[in-house]
Amino acid sequence: SEQIEIKSEQIETQSEQIETKTEQIETQSEQIETQSEQIETQSEQVETQSEQIETQSERIETKSEQIETKSEQIEIKSEQIEIKSEQIETQSEQIEIKTEQIETKSEKIETQ
């Protein structure tokens, strides 16, 4: 009879331990579920950030191309300005020559 009581207490103790283990496992299960949801959320955030980075990269590429185009246009304008400058210089020399010719003619006329 005493052995039966001892066995009974052991079984009760084991039963309580099993219940405790079961509760721990349940708690761990809930934690794992929560962590899983967090990981899913973080994954979606990373995906969103990746798309934003891709979009920004495309914008930067577009801006770069625009800047390159502007640079080429500026270079072309610079060359045109240089050409105009040379033309103006040439015209100035021609005007100077014409002026000297006119002065010379004027002097000849005066001399006569």
PDB file of N, CA and C in Angstrom:
ATOM      1  N   SER A   1       0.826  -1.202   0.000  1.00  0.00           N
ATOM      2  CA  SER A   1       0.000   0.000   0.000  1.00  0.00           C
ATOM      3  C   SER A   1       0.857   1.247   0.000  1.00  0.00           C
ATOM      4  N   GLU A   2       1.929   1.179   0.768  1.00  0.00           N
ATOM      5  CA  GLU A   2       2.818   2.341   0.805  1.00  0.00           C
ATOM      6  C   GLU A   2       3.490   2.521  -0.549  1.00  0.00           C
ATOM      7  N   GLN A   3       3.826   1.446  -1.161  1.00  0.00           N
ATOM      8  CA  GLN A   3       4.462   1.522  -2.497  1.00  0.00           C
ATOM      9  C   GLN A   3       3.496   2.143  -3.503  1.00  0.00           C
ATOM     10  N   ILE A   4       2.251   1.775  -3.383  1.00  0.00           N
ATOM     11  CA  ILE A   4       1.243   2.323  -4.296  1.00  0.00           C
ATOM     12  C   ILE A   4       1.149   3.830  -4.095  1.00  0.00           C
ATOM     13  N   GLU A   5       1.183   4.276  -2.856  1.00  0.00           N
ATOM     14  CA  GLU A   5       1.127   5.709  -2.554  1.00  0.00           C
ATOM     15  C   GLU A   5       2.351   6.426  -3.141  1.00  0.00           C
ATOM     16  N   ILE A   6       3.524   5.824  -2.955  1.00  0.00           N
ATOM     17  CA  ILE A   6       4.752   6.390  -3.498  1.00  0.00           C
ATOM     18  C   ILE A   6       4.648   6.479  -5.025  1.00  0.00           C
ATOM     19  N   LYS A   7       4.208   5.410  -5.630  1.00  0.00           N
ATOM     20  CA  LYS A   7       4.055   5.389  -7.093  1.00  0.00           C
ATOM     21  C   LYS A   7       3.069   6.468  -7.523  1.00  0.00           C
ATOM     22  N   SER A   8       2.005   6.568  -6.789  1.00  0.00           N
ATOM     23  CA  SER A   8       0.970   7.539  -7.094  1.00  0.00           C
ATOM     24  C   SER A   8       1.546   8.962  -7.042  1.00  0.00           C
ATOM     25  N   GLU A   9       2.345   9.246  -6.018  1.00  0.00           N
ATOM     26  CA  GLU A   9       2.971  10.566  -5.905  1.00  0.00           C
ATOM     27  C   GLU A   9       3.950  10.800  -7.047  1.00  0.00           C
ATOM     28  N   GLN A  10       4.696   9.782  -7.394  1.00  0.00           N
ATOM     29  CA  GLN A  10       5.635   9.903  -8.516  1.00  0.00           C
ATOM     30  C   GLN A  10       4.876  10.229  -9.806  1.00  0.00           C
ATOM     31  N   ILE A  11       3.802   9.507  -9.999  1.00  0.00           N
ATOM     32  CA  ILE A  11       3.010   9.732 -11.222  1.00  0.00           C
ATOM     33  C   ILE A  11       2.450  11.155 -11.212  1.00  0.00           C
ATOM     34  N   GLU A  12       1.990  11.594 -10.041  1.00  0.00           N
ATOM     35  CA  GLU A  12       1.453  12.951  -9.937  1.00  0.00           C
ATOM     36  C   GLU A  12       2.559  13.978 -10.238  1.00  0.00           C
ATOM     37  N   THR A  13       3.733  13.746  -9.673  1.00  0.00           N
ATOM     38  CA  THR A  13       4.858  14.632  -9.917  1.00  0.00           C
ATOM     39  C   THR A  13       5.217  14.649 -11.411  1.00  0.00           C
ATOM     40  N   GLN A  14       5.278  13.469 -12.005  1.00  0.00           N
ATOM     41  CA  GLN A  14       5.593  13.393 -13.442  1.00  0.00           C
ATOM     42  C   GLN A  14       4.519  14.104 -14.262  1.00  0.00           C
ATOM     43  N   SER A  15       3.306  13.932 -13.829  1.00  0.00           N
ATOM     44  CA  SER A  15       2.189  14.573 -14.521  1.00  0.00           C
ATOM     45  C   SER A  15       2.337  16.098 -14.482  1.00  0.00           C
ATOM     46  N   GLU A  16       2.696  16.606 -13.317  1.00  0.00           N
ATOM     47  CA  GLU A  16       2.901  18.053 -13.186  1.00  0.00           C
ATOM     48  C   GLU A  16       4.077  18.508 -14.048  1.00  0.00           C
ATOM     49  N   GLN A  17       5.141  17.712 -14.071  1.00  0.00           N
ATOM     50  CA  GLN A  17       6.295  18.054 -14.911  1.00  0.00           C
ATOM     51  C   GLN A  17       5.892  18.083 -16.390  1.00  0.00           C
ATOM     52  N   ILE A  18       5.099  17.089 -16.786  1.00  0.00           N
ATOM     53  CA  ILE A  18       4.647  17.031 -18.180  1.00  0.00           C
ATOM     54  C   ILE A  18       3.795  18.253 -18.503  1.00  0.00           C
ATOM     55  N   GLU A  19       2.945  18.622 -17.554  1.00  0.00           N
ATOM     56  CA  GLU A  19       2.097  19.805 -17.765  1.00  0.00           C
ATOM     57  C   GLU A  19       2.967  21.055 -17.913  1.00  0.00           C
ATOM     58  N   THR A  20       3.950  21.169 -17.025  1.00  0.00           N
ATOM     59  CA  THR A  20       4.869  22.304 -17.085  1.00  0.00           C
ATOM     60  C   THR A  20       5.611  22.326 -18.433  1.00  0.00           C
ATOM     61  N   LYS A  21       6.126  21.172 -18.845  1.00  0.00           N
ATOM     62  CA  LYS A  21       6.834  21.077 -20.145  1.00  0.00           C
ATOM     63  C   LYS A  21       5.903  21.471 -21.278  1.00  0.00           C
ATOM     64  N   THR A  22       4.669  20.984 -21.191  1.00  0.00           N
ATOM     65  CA  THR A  22       3.690  21.290 -22.237  1.00  0.00           C
ATOM     66  C   THR A  22       3.456  22.802 -22.319  1.00  0.00           C
ATOM     67  N   GLU A  23       3.327  23.442 -21.172  1.00  0.00           N
ATOM     68  CA  GLU A  23       3.137  24.901 -21.159  1.00  0.00           C
ATOM     69  C   GLU A  23       4.356  25.617 -21.740  1.00  0.00           C
ATOM     70  N   GLN A  24       5.550  25.126 -21.378  1.00  0.00           N
ATOM     71  CA  GLN A  24       6.779  25.735 -21.930  1.00  0.00           C
ATOM     72  C   GLN A  24       6.803  25.598 -23.455  1.00  0.00           C
ATOM     73  N   ILE A  25       6.451  24.410 -23.924  1.00  0.00           N
ATOM     74  CA  ILE A  25       6.454  24.173 -25.373  1.00  0.00           C
ATOM     75  C   ILE A  25       5.429  25.083 -26.051  1.00  0.00           C
ATOM     76  N   GLU A  26       4.276  25.235 -25.420  1.00  0.00           N
ATOM     77  CA  GLU A  26       3.235  26.110 -25.980  1.00  0.00           C
ATOM     78  C   GLU A  26       3.763  27.559 -26.054  1.00  0.00           C
ATOM     79  N   THR A  27       4.386  27.991 -24.972  1.00  0.00           N
ATOM     80  CA  THR A  27       4.954  29.343 -24.926  1.00  0.00           C
ATOM     81  C   THR A  27       6.013  29.515 -26.025  1.00  0.00           C
ATOM     82  N   GLN A  28       6.894  28.521 -26.142  1.00  0.00           N
ATOM     83  CA  GLN A  28       7.924  28.596 -27.189  1.00  0.00           C
ATOM     84  C   GLN A  28       7.301  28.625 -28.576  1.00  0.00           C
ATOM     85  N   SER A  29       6.235  27.871 -28.754  1.00  0.00           N
ATOM     86  CA  SER A  29       5.533  27.850 -30.038  1.00  0.00           C
ATOM     87  C   SER A  29       4.992  29.236 -30.389  1.00  0.00           C
ATOM     88  N   GLU A  30       4.408  29.886 -29.381  1.00  0.00           N
ATOM     89  CA  GLU A  30       3.878  31.242 -29.613  1.00  0.00           C
ATOM     90  C   GLU A  30       5.016  32.205 -29.946  1.00  0.00           C
ATOM     91  N   GLN A  31       6.136  32.071 -29.241  1.00  0.00           N
ATOM     92  CA  GLN A  31       7.292  32.935 -29.520  1.00  0.00           C
ATOM     93  C   GLN A  31       7.781  32.715 -30.961  1.00  0.00           C
ATOM     94  N   ILE A  32       7.830  31.455 -31.347  1.00  0.00           N
ATOM     95  CA  ILE A  32       8.295  31.142 -32.710  1.00  0.00           C
ATOM     96  C   ILE A  32       7.338  31.746 -33.738  1.00  0.00           C
ATOM     97  N   GLU A  33       6.055  31.675 -33.465  1.00  0.00           N
ATOM     98  CA  GLU A  33       5.073  32.248 -34.392  1.00  0.00           C
ATOM     99  C   GLU A  33       5.276  33.760 -34.494  1.00  0.00           C
ATOM    100  N   THR A  34       5.452  34.391 -33.333  1.00  0.00           N
ATOM    101  CA  THR A  34       5.687  35.833 -33.310  1.00  0.00           C
ATOM    102  C   THR A  34       6.950  36.195 -34.092  1.00  0.00           C
ATOM    103  N   GLN A  35       8.011  35.457 -33.864  1.00  0.00           N
ATOM    104  CA  GLN A  35       9.266  35.712 -34.582  1.00  0.00           C
ATOM    105  C   GLN A  35       9.093  35.518 -36.085  1.00  0.00           C
ATOM    106  N   SER A  36       8.320  34.509 -36.434  1.00  0.00           N
ATOM    107  CA  SER A  36       8.064  34.253 -37.856  1.00  0.00           C
ATOM    108  C   SER A  36       7.356  35.447 -38.505  1.00  0.00           C
ATOM    109  N   GLU A  37       6.370  35.977 -37.782  1.00  0.00           N
ATOM    110  CA  GLU A  37       5.648  37.144 -38.313  1.00  0.00           C
ATOM    111  C   GLU A  37       6.592  38.342 -38.436  1.00  0.00           C
ATOM    112  N   GLN A  38       7.458  38.523 -37.437  1.00  0.00           N
ATOM    113  CA  GLN A  38       8.427  39.626 -37.495  1.00  0.00           C
ATOM    114  C   GLN A  38       9.346  39.463 -38.705  1.00  0.00           C
ATOM    115  N   ILE A  39       9.796  38.239 -38.916  1.00  0.00           N
ATOM    116  CA  ILE A  39      10.696  37.974 -40.055  1.00  0.00           C
ATOM    117  C   ILE A  39       9.976  38.261 -41.370  1.00  0.00           C
ATOM    118  N   GLU A  40       8.713  37.881 -41.443  1.00  0.00           N
ATOM    119  CA  GLU A  40       7.938  38.147 -42.664  1.00  0.00           C
ATOM    120  C   GLU A  40       7.823  39.656 -42.900  1.00  0.00           C
ATOM    121  N   THR A  41       7.516  40.381 -41.823  1.00  0.00           N
ATOM    122  CA  THR A  41       7.415  41.840 -41.908  1.00  0.00           C
ATOM    123  C   THR A  41       8.747  42.453 -42.365  1.00  0.00           C
ATOM    124  N   GLN A  42       9.837  42.005 -41.767  1.00  0.00           N
ATOM    125  CA  GLN A  42      11.154  42.528 -42.142  1.00  0.00           C
ATOM    126  C   GLN A  42      11.472  42.207 -43.605  1.00  0.00           C
ATOM    127  N   SER A  43      11.077  41.019 -44.030  1.00  0.00           N
ATOM    128  CA  SER A  43      11.298  40.629 -45.425  1.00  0.00           C
ATOM    129  C   SER A  43      10.574  41.571 -46.376  1.00  0.00           C
ATOM    130  N   GLU A  44       9.333  41.900 -46.009  1.00  0.00           N
ATOM    131  CA  GLU A  44       8.563  42.827 -46.859  1.00  0.00           C
ATOM    132  C   GLU A  44       9.220  44.208 -46.868  1.00  0.00           C
ATOM    133  N   GLN A  45       9.721  44.631 -45.694  1.00  0.00           N
ATOM    134  CA  GLN A  45      10.400  45.941 -45.628  1.00  0.00           C
ATOM    135  C   GLN A  45      11.640  45.935 -46.521  1.00  0.00           C
ATOM    136  N   VAL A  46      12.395  44.844 -46.453  1.00  0.00           N
ATOM    137  CA  VAL A  46      13.612  44.752 -47.279  1.00  0.00           C
ATOM    138  C   VAL A  46      13.242  44.797 -48.765  1.00  0.00           C
ATOM    139  N   GLU A  47      12.159  44.117 -49.120  1.00  0.00           N
ATOM    140  CA  GLU A  47      11.723  44.124 -50.520  1.00  0.00           C
ATOM    141  C   GLU A  47      11.352  45.548 -50.953  1.00  0.00           C
ATOM    142  N   THR A  48      10.604  46.223 -50.083  1.00  0.00           N
ATOM    143  CA  THR A  48      10.208  47.602 -50.371  1.00  0.00           C
ATOM    144  C   THR A  48      11.441  48.497 -50.523  1.00  0.00           C
ATOM    145  N   GLN A  49      12.394  48.361 -49.610  1.00  0.00           N
ATOM    146  CA  GLN A  49      13.615  49.169 -49.682  1.00  0.00           C
ATOM    147  C   GLN A  49      14.387  48.859 -50.965  1.00  0.00           C
ATOM    148  N   SER A  50      14.408  47.607 -51.339  1.00  0.00           N
ATOM    149  CA  SER A  50      15.102  47.214 -52.570  1.00  0.00           C
ATOM    150  C   SER A  50      14.474  47.896 -53.784  1.00  0.00           C
ATOM    151  N   GLU A  51      13.143  47.917 -53.793  1.00  0.00           N
ATOM    152  CA  GLU A  51      12.458  48.570 -54.917  1.00  0.00           C
ATOM    153  C   GLU A  51      12.760  50.070 -54.915  1.00  0.00           C
ATOM    154  N   GLN A  52      12.779  50.678 -53.719  1.00  0.00           N
ATOM    155  CA  GLN A  52      13.089  52.115 -53.636  1.00  0.00           C
ATOM    156  C   GLN A  52      14.498  52.378 -54.149  1.00  0.00           C
ATOM    157  N   ILE A  53      15.435  51.522 -53.764  1.00  0.00           N
ATOM    158  CA  ILE A  53      16.827  51.693 -54.203  1.00  0.00           C
ATOM    159  C   ILE A  53      16.915  51.556 -55.724  1.00  0.00           C
ATOM    160  N   GLU A  54      16.175  50.600 -56.261  1.00  0.00           N
ATOM    161  CA  GLU A  54      16.188  50.413 -57.717  1.00  0.00           C
ATOM    162  C   GLU A  54      15.651  51.666 -58.413  1.00  0.00           C
ATOM    163  N   THR A  55      14.547  52.179 -57.880  1.00  0.00           N
ATOM    164  CA  THR A  55      13.948  53.394 -58.440  1.00  0.00           C
ATOM    165  C   THR A  55      14.933  54.562 -58.369  1.00  0.00           C
ATOM    166  N   GLN A  56      15.590  54.720 -57.219  1.00  0.00           N
ATOM    167  CA  GLN A  56      16.564  55.810 -57.072  1.00  0.00           C
ATOM    168  C   GLN A  56      17.730  55.624 -58.034  1.00  0.00           C
ATOM    169  N   SER A  57      18.147  54.384 -58.216  1.00  0.00           N
ATOM    170  CA  SER A  57      19.238  54.110 -59.143  1.00  0.00           C
ATOM    171  C   SER A  57      18.863  54.520 -60.567  1.00  0.00           C
ATOM    172  N   GLU A  58      17.632  54.206 -60.940  1.00  0.00           N
ATOM    173  CA  GLU A  58      17.185  54.580 -62.287  1.00  0.00           C
ATOM    174  C   GLU A  58      17.139  56.106 -62.418  1.00  0.00           C
ATOM    175  N   ARG A  59      16.672  56.785 -61.358  1.00  0.00           N
ATOM    176  CA  ARG A  59      16.635  58.254 -61.409  1.00  0.00           C
ATOM    177  C   ARG A  59      18.037  58.820 -61.554  1.00  0.00           C
ATOM    178  N   ILE A  60      18.963  58.257 -60.789  1.00  0.00           N
ATOM    179  CA  ILE A  60      20.348  58.738 -60.838  1.00  0.00           C
ATOM    180  C   ILE A  60      20.924  58.510 -62.238  1.00  0.00           C
ATOM    181  N   GLU A  61      20.620  57.364 -62.814  1.00  0.00           N
ATOM    182  CA  GLU A  61      21.112  57.077 -64.165  1.00  0.00           C
ATOM    183  C   GLU A  61      20.556  58.100 -65.159  1.00  0.00           C
ATOM    184  N   THR A  62      19.257  58.359 -65.040  1.00  0.00           N
ATOM    185  CA  THR A  62      18.618  59.344 -65.915  1.00  0.00           C
ATOM    186  C   THR A  62      19.264  60.722 -65.740  1.00  0.00           C
ATOM    187  N   LYS A  63      19.478  61.126 -64.478  1.00  0.00           N
ATOM    188  CA  LYS A  63      20.108  62.420 -64.205  1.00  0.00           C
ATOM    189  C   LYS A  63      21.507  62.467 -64.820  1.00  0.00           C
ATOM    190  N   SER A  64      22.231  61.386 -64.681  1.00  0.00           N
ATOM    191  CA  SER A  64      23.578  61.321 -65.235  1.00  0.00           C
ATOM    192  C   SER A  64      23.560  61.515 -66.746  1.00  0.00           C
ATOM    193  N   GLU A  65      22.610  60.858 -67.387  1.00  0.00           N
ATOM    194  CA  GLU A  65      22.507  61.003 -68.843  1.00  0.00           C
ATOM    195  C   GLU A  65      22.159  62.446 -69.201  1.00  0.00           C
ATOM    196  N   GLN A  66      21.254  63.049 -68.430  1.00  0.00           N
ATOM    197  CA  GLN A  66      20.880  64.446 -68.699  1.00  0.00           C
ATOM    198  C   GLN A  66      22.097  65.360 -68.535  1.00  0.00           C
ATOM    199  N   ILE A  67      22.873  65.113 -67.483  1.00  0.00           N
ATOM    200  CA  ILE A  67      24.070  65.932 -67.234  1.00  0.00           C
ATOM    201  C   ILE A  67      25.062  65.747 -68.382  1.00  0.00           C
ATOM    202  N   GLU A  68      25.216  64.525 -68.838  1.00  0.00           N
ATOM    203  CA  GLU A  68      26.137  64.272 -69.947  1.00  0.00           C
ATOM    204  C   GLU A  68      25.677  65.036 -71.198  1.00  0.00           C
ATOM    205  N   THR A  69      24.383  64.958 -71.467  1.00  0.00           N
ATOM    206  CA  THR A  69      23.827  65.670 -72.619  1.00  0.00           C
ATOM    207  C   THR A  69      24.064  67.180 -72.496  1.00  0.00           C
ATOM    208  N   LYS A  70      23.805  67.718 -71.312  1.00  0.00           N
ATOM    209  CA  LYS A  70      24.024  69.155 -71.075  1.00  0.00           C
ATOM    210  C   LYS A  70      25.491  69.507 -71.301  1.00  0.00           C
ATOM    211  N   SER A  71      26.364  68.656 -70.815  1.00  0.00           N
ATOM    212  CA  SER A  71      27.795  68.891 -70.979  1.00  0.00           C
ATOM    213  C   SER A  71      28.167  68.965 -72.455  1.00  0.00           C
ATOM    214  N   GLU A  72      27.626  68.042 -73.215  1.00  0.00           N
ATOM    215  CA  GLU A  72      27.910  68.046 -74.661  1.00  0.00           C
ATOM    216  C   GLU A  72      27.374  69.323 -75.296  1.00  0.00           C
ATOM    217  N   GLN A  73      26.174  69.720 -74.892  1.00  0.00           N
ATOM    218  CA  GLN A  73      25.586  70.952 -75.444  1.00  0.00           C
ATOM    219  C   GLN A  73      26.461  72.158 -75.094  1.00  0.00           C
ATOM    220  N   ILE A  74      26.939  72.194 -73.857  1.00  0.00           N
ATOM    221  CA  ILE A  74      27.795  73.308 -73.428  1.00  0.00           C
ATOM    222  C   ILE A  74      29.087  73.316 -74.253  1.00  0.00           C
ATOM    223  N   GLU A  75      29.641  72.138 -74.480  1.00  0.00           N
ATOM    224  CA  GLU A  75      30.870  72.055 -75.272  1.00  0.00           C
ATOM    225  C   GLU A  75      30.630  72.589 -76.692  1.00  0.00           C
ATOM    226  N   ILE A  76      29.508  72.190 -77.277  1.00  0.00           N
ATOM    227  CA  ILE A  76      29.163  72.658 -78.629  1.00  0.00           C
ATOM    228  C   ILE A  76      28.993  74.181 -78.627  1.00  0.00           C
ATOM    229  N   LYS A  77      28.286  74.698 -77.624  1.00  0.00           N
ATOM    230  CA  LYS A  77      28.090  76.150 -77.527  1.00  0.00           C
ATOM    231  C   LYS A  77      29.445  76.858 -77.413  1.00  0.00           C
ATOM    232  N   SER A  78      30.327  76.289 -76.626  1.00  0.00           N
ATOM    233  CA  SER A  78      31.656  76.865 -76.448  1.00  0.00           C
ATOM    234  C   SER A  78      32.397  76.957 -77.773  1.00  0.00           C
ATOM    235  N   GLU A  79      32.324  75.886 -78.515  1.00  0.00           N
ATOM    236  CA  GLU A  79      32.994  75.891 -79.827  1.00  0.00           C
ATOM    237  C   GLU A  79      32.365  76.947 -80.735  1.00  0.00           C
ATOM    238  N   GLN A  80      31.033  77.046 -80.705  1.00  0.00           N
ATOM    239  CA  GLN A  80      30.356  78.056 -81.539  1.00  0.00           C
ATOM    240  C   GLN A  80      30.793  79.460 -81.133  1.00  0.00           C
ATOM    241  N   ILE A  81      30.895  79.682 -79.831  1.00  0.00           N
ATOM    242  CA  ILE A  81      31.319  80.999 -79.341  1.00  0.00           C
ATOM    243  C   ILE A  81      32.750  81.296 -79.806  1.00  0.00           C
ATOM    244  N   GLU A  82      33.601  80.300 -79.743  1.00  0.00           N
ATOM    245  CA  GLU A  82      34.983  80.484 -80.190  1.00  0.00           C
ATOM    246  C   GLU A  82      35.020  80.851 -81.680  1.00  0.00           C
ATOM    247  N   ILE A  83      34.225  80.139 -82.459  1.00  0.00           N
ATOM    248  CA  ILE A  83      34.163  80.430 -83.899  1.00  0.00           C
ATOM    249  C   ILE A  83      33.658  81.850 -84.134  1.00  0.00           C
ATOM    250  N   LYS A  84      32.590  82.240 -83.412  1.00  0.00           N
ATOM    251  CA  LYS A  84      32.054  83.604 -83.542  1.00  0.00           C
ATOM    252  C   LYS A  84      33.132  84.635 -83.185  1.00  0.00           C
ATOM    253  N   SER A  85      33.856  84.355 -82.131  1.00  0.00           N
ATOM    254  CA  SER A  85      34.910  85.256 -81.686  1.00  0.00           C
ATOM    255  C   SER A  85      35.947  85.449 -82.790  1.00  0.00           C
ATOM    256  N   GLU A  86      36.335  84.350 -83.396  1.00  0.00           N
ATOM    257  CA  GLU A  86      37.314  84.454 -84.486  1.00  0.00           C
ATOM    258  C   GLU A  86      36.738  85.253 -85.643  1.00  0.00           C
ATOM    259  N   GLN A  87      35.454  85.038 -85.955  1.00  0.00           N
ATOM    260  CA  GLN A  87      34.825  85.784 -87.047  1.00  0.00           C
ATOM    261  C   GLN A  87      34.816  87.282 -86.717  1.00  0.00           C
ATOM    262  N   ILE A  88      34.482  87.589 -85.473  1.00  0.00           N
ATOM    263  CA  ILE A  88      34.446  88.997 -85.066  1.00  0.00           C
ATOM    264  C   ILE A  88      35.847  89.601 -85.167  1.00  0.00           C
ATOM    265  N   GLU A  89      36.846  88.849 -84.752  1.00  0.00           N
ATOM    266  CA  GLU A  89      38.221  89.341 -84.836  1.00  0.00           C
ATOM    267  C   GLU A  89      38.595  89.603 -86.298  1.00  0.00           C
ATOM    268  N   THR A  90      38.245  88.667 -87.156  1.00  0.00           N
ATOM    269  CA  THR A  90      38.530  88.829 -88.583  1.00  0.00           C
ATOM    270  C   THR A  90      37.813  90.063 -89.130  1.00  0.00           C
ATOM    271  N   GLN A  91      36.554  90.223 -88.792  1.00  0.00           N
ATOM    272  CA  GLN A  91      35.799  91.386 -89.267  1.00  0.00           C
ATOM    273  C   GLN A  91      36.420  92.688 -88.753  1.00  0.00           C
ATOM    274  N   SER A  92      36.881  92.651 -87.511  1.00  0.00           N
ATOM    275  CA  SER A  92      37.526  93.822 -86.931  1.00  0.00           C
ATOM    276  C   SER A  92      38.767  94.195 -87.738  1.00  0.00           C
ATOM    277  N   GLU A  93      39.559  93.197 -88.076  1.00  0.00           N
ATOM    278  CA  GLU A  93      40.773  93.457 -88.882  1.00  0.00           C
ATOM    279  C   GLU A  93      40.382  94.021 -90.245  1.00  0.00           C
ATOM    280  N   GLN A  94      39.331  93.474 -90.832  1.00  0.00           N
ATOM    281  CA  GLN A  94      38.886  93.968 -92.141  1.00  0.00           C
ATOM    282  C   GLN A  94      38.427  95.424 -92.031  1.00  0.00           C
ATOM    283  N   ILE A  95      37.724  95.713 -90.957  1.00  0.00           N
ATOM    284  CA  ILE A  95      37.254  97.090 -90.759  1.00  0.00           C
ATOM    285  C   ILE A  95      38.458  98.027 -90.595  1.00  0.00           C
ATOM    286  N   GLU A  96      39.454  97.569 -89.858  1.00  0.00           N
ATOM    287  CA  GLU A  96      40.654  98.383 -89.664  1.00  0.00           C
ATOM    288  C   GLU A  96      41.331  98.641 -91.018  1.00  0.00           C
ATOM    289  N   ILE A  97      41.436  97.605 -91.814  1.00  0.00           N
ATOM    290  CA  ILE A  97      42.060  97.743 -93.147  1.00  0.00           C
ATOM    291  C   ILE A  97      41.247  98.730 -93.997  1.00  0.00           C
ATOM    292  N   LYS A  98      39.934  98.578 -93.986  1.00  0.00           N
ATOM    293  CA  LYS A  98      39.064  99.475 -94.764  1.00  0.00           C
ATOM    294  C   LYS A  98      39.253 100.929 -94.298  1.00  0.00           C
ATOM    295  N   THR A  99      39.318 101.079 -92.983  1.00  0.00           N
ATOM    296  CA  THR A  99      39.491 102.418 -92.431  1.00  0.00           C
ATOM    297  C   THR A  99      40.802 103.030 -92.906  1.00  0.00           C
ATOM    298  N   GLU A 100      41.861 102.249 -92.893  1.00  0.00           N
ATOM    299  CA  GLU A 100      43.155 102.755 -93.375  1.00  0.00           C
ATOM    300  C   GLU A 100      43.074 103.119 -94.855  1.00  0.00           C
ATOM    301  N   GLN A 101      42.395 102.292 -95.633  1.00  0.00           N
ATOM    302  CA  GLN A 101      42.255 102.582 -97.074  1.00  0.00           C
ATOM    303  C   GLN A 101      41.500 103.899 -97.264  1.00  0.00           C
ATOM    304  N   ILE A 102      40.453 104.057 -96.490  1.00  0.00           N
ATOM    305  CA  ILE A 102      39.651 105.277 -96.613  1.00  0.00           C
ATOM    306  C   ILE A 102      40.511 106.488 -96.223  1.00  0.00           C
ATOM    307  N   GLU A 103      41.305 106.351 -95.162  1.00  0.00           N
ATOM    308  CA  GLU A 103      42.173 107.452 -94.736  1.00  0.00           C
ATOM    309  C   GLU A 103      43.168 107.788 -95.847  1.00  0.00           C
ATOM    310  N   THR A 104      43.737 106.735 -96.409  1.00  0.00           N
ATOM    311  CA  THR A 104      44.708 106.937 -97.465  1.00  0.00           C
ATOM    312  C   THR A 104      44.061 107.664 -98.647  1.00  0.00           C
ATOM    313  N   LYS A 105      42.890 107.247 -99.062  1.00  0.00           N
ATOM    314  CA  LYS A 105      42.190 107.899-100.181  1.00  0.00           C
ATOM    315  C   LYS A 105      41.904 109.357 -99.836  1.00  0.00           C
ATOM    316  N   SER A 106      41.495 109.555 -98.603  1.00  0.00           N
ATOM    317  CA  SER A 106      41.169 110.893 -98.142  1.00  0.00           C
ATOM    318  C   SER A 106      42.396 111.799 -98.247  1.00  0.00           C
ATOM    319  N   GLU A 107      43.528 111.294 -97.833  1.00  0.00           N
ATOM    320  CA  GLU A 107      44.757 112.065 -97.906  1.00  0.00           C
ATOM    321  C   GLU A 107      45.110 112.373 -99.361  1.00  0.00           C
ATOM    322  N   LYS A 108      44.940 111.396-100.233  1.00  0.00           N
ATOM    323  CA  LYS A 108      45.257 111.618-101.659  1.00  0.00           C
ATOM    324  C   LYS A 108      44.378 112.731-102.215  1.00  0.00           C
ATOM    325  N   ILE A 109      43.090 112.642-101.860  1.00  0.00           N
ATOM    326  CA  ILE A 109      42.138 113.649-102.370  1.00  0.00           C
ATOM    327  C   ILE A 109      42.549 115.028-101.856  1.00  0.00           C
ATOM    328  N   GLU A 110      42.935 115.110-100.586  1.00  0.00           N
ATOM    329  CA  GLU A 110      43.335 116.369 -99.979  1.00  0.00           C
ATOM    330  C   GLU A 110      44.569 116.910-100.691  1.00  0.00           C
ATOM    331  N   THR A 111      45.460 115.997-101.012  1.00  0.00           N
ATOM    332  CA  THR A 111      46.721 116.386-101.629  1.00  0.00           C
ATOM    333  C   THR A 111      46.469 116.982-103.013  1.00  0.00           C
ATOM    334  N   GLN A 112      45.503 116.492-103.717  1.00  0.00           N
ATOM    335  CA  GLN A 112      45.260 116.972-105.093  1.00  0.00           C
ATOM    336  C   GLN A 112      44.715 118.345-105.156  1.00  0.00           C
TER     337      GLN A 112
END
